[in-house]
Amino acid sequence: MKVAVLGYGLIGRERVRAIVRLRDEDHLVTSFAVFDPFAAGEKPKVATVGGTWCGSLDEVRAYGPDWVIIATPHDTAAQLCAEVLGWGVRVLMEKPFGRSLSEAEGLAAHAGTEGRLFVGFNYRFFPGIAAALGDARAGLFGPLVSVNMLLGHGGSPGMEKGWKFDPIKAGGGCLIDPGIHLLDLSHCLATSL
C-alpha cells in the first residue's frame, strides 16, 4: 500500500512516524510520500526515513497513493480533501470534519457512499480512554446518567501567533479544536450503550 501525507507539521510528522512503523514492522505500507509547500526544508528528514518528498499536489497524484492523509490546518483541509477524493483514493482527514456545517456537507457530498473518507479522531484509541469506553460498554459503571469530561489545550510559547488562534483558519473556538474530541467520545459512549 502506498500512502501520501499532506502537511508535515506536528500531526503530519506523527502520521509519518506511524507509517514508518507500518512499513518496517507490519509490512502494510510499501512506500510513502509527503507534500507540504511550507516545510520544504524537511525534505532531508523525510528522505532519511525512506520517504519521497513531492513538490506539488500534482506530484502526489502522480505518485499514485492508495491512501492520502490530510494533516493540514483547518482552513486548507476541506478543499484538499474534496480534491483528493476526486482521485478515487481513500482519505484520512484529521479532525474536524470542516469548520462549519456547509464545509462538512460539502465534504460529505464529495465522499459519497463508497466509504473512502475517514476522520482522524485519535483520542478514542488512547489506552486509558479505550479502557474507559470498554468499561462503560460492559456496564462496569452502571447506567450512565451523565459524563464529566475536561480537556486542556497546550500552551507552548508562540502558540498565540499560530493558525489555531485565528478564527478564520481554525474555524473558531475550543469546541472545534480540541473540543471536537470530547464530542466524538460522547458519541462513542452514546452509540455503544
Foldseek 3Di string as FASTA:
>chain_A
DEEEEEDDDDVSVVVLVVVLCCCPPVVPHVAYEYEYCVPVVCQVVCVVSPHHYDDDPVVVLVVPGQEYEYDDFQLCQLVVLLVVLVSVHAYEYEDDCHLDPVSNVVNCVSNDDPPRYHYDLCPCVDVVNVVVLVCLLVCVVPDDPDDDDDDDDDDDPPPCVDQCVPCNRRSDDCCRPPVVSVVVSVVSNVVRD
